[in-house]
Amino acid sequence: MVVSEVPLLLTQASQL
């Protein structure tokens, strides 16, 4: 997993 993808996954999870 790319480090740049980590914050993106966290933001998507918080929007759920």
Protein backbone atom coordinates (compact mmCIF):
# COMPACT_ATOMS: atom_id res chain seq x y z
CA MET A 1 0.00 0.00 0.00
CA VAL A 2 1.26 3.46 -0.92
CA VAL A 3 1.68 5.95 1.93
CA SER A 4 -0.30 8.50 -0.10
CA GLU A 5 -3.26 6.13 -0.13
CA VAL A 6 -3.43 5.87 3.65
CA PRO A 7 -4.99 9.34 4.32
CA LEU A 8 -7.39 8.74 1.42
CA LEU A 9 -8.66 5.52 2.97
CA LEU A 10 -9.05 7.21 6.34
CA THR A 11 -11.09 10.06 4.84
CA GLN A 12 -13.33 7.63 2.97
CA ALA A 13 -13.89 5.57 6.11
CA SER A 14 -14.84 8.64 8.15
CA GLN A 15 -17.37 9.64 5.48
CA LEU A 16 -19.17 6.29 5.78
